[in-house]
Amino acid sequence: MKLGVFTPLFAKLSLDEVLAKVRDAGLDAVELGTGAFPGSDHVDVDGLLASQDKAREFRSKVADHGLIVSALSCHGNPLHPNKEAARRDDEIFRKTVRLAERLEVPVVVTFSGCPGDSDQSRIPNWITSPWPPEMLETLEWQWNEKAIPYWKEATNFSREHGVRVALEAHPNFIVHNVETMLRLREAAGDHLGINLDPSHHFWRGVDIPQAIRALGPALFYFHAKDVSVDRRNVAVNGVIDGKSYREMADRAWRFRSVGHGHDLLVWKEIMEALRMAGYDYVVSLEHEDALMSVEQGFQTAIATLKQALLREPPDEPWWT
């Protein structure tokens, strides 16, 4: 496995500065944003699509630093009930797939999206309970009328361009756990898989190695981000928490840098599970820790992951 970083944490740096920093940290890969959330600070999507020469120069610049582009990311909501918002995010997604083909990047990361509760809605509606009865009826409408038709076509589009799509399973979207990922993959095809970010699952009680085992070949990409659970607040109000991330002391959980929510042994078990599942691609570090600086979060996460990561394939055991 290789170790990389999702670069929005370095949004204030130029691409050249980012590549040098990642190289000097001993990493192997960069994951670059192309629009939607969190933006495209280091990629001129339209310019690279318009010019083969610019695309070649871009690839060479990354390679000259001893790095690869592991994924292009455009975290949007192409199922948004606001038609203009859905059109915008769908356009960004398709541009990203085309750019990934041009740059020879095998994976595009995005969200599954979430519709409203009808064609007249303005705001997405994430349904988490089957009762009252209209909730379950609406959930099935979202799947059968919106999510499955869209992702069948979008997956075919990505297949035609030789790119796989990794949906980041995330609360507030149709695909938010293993079960929903596998349901959509069964409907849309095996060019659709998951970007597994443990930080979105730890706080809901998911055992990450077991989730990896259940996903199997549907696991396309992996974000390394941690979360800490505040047991005092959970004991009073549970884990569902809509408060601002800025209200850190009162929240049920907080995003943390790798190793500051779960210890090294947990991360070693996760890396072992990835290897056992046949995952041998990039572990992409993501930083959203409001309790430490970008530099401290970057360095401490690297230190933890370098100890946990199984970077080389195993030797043939002498006892077999």
Foldseek 3Di string as FASTA:
>chain_A
DFAAAEPPLVLVDEPLVVLLVRLVLVGAEYEAEQEAPPGGSHDPLVVVLVDLVVLVVVLVSNVVSNYYHQEYEYAAALQELPPVRNVVSVVSVLSRLLSCLSNVHAEYEYALHAYPQDNPDHGGDQQDDCPPVSSVVSLVCRVPVGRLVVLLVVLVSSVVSNHAYAHEQAPSGQRNALVSQVVSCVRRHLSYAHAYECQRPVLVPDLLLVRLVSRQSRHDHYEYWHKAADVVLCVPPNQDDDDDQVVVVNHRMHIAQPCPRDHLVSLLSNQVSCVVSVNQGYHYYYDDHPVDRSVVSVSVNSVSCVVRHPNDDDDDDPVD
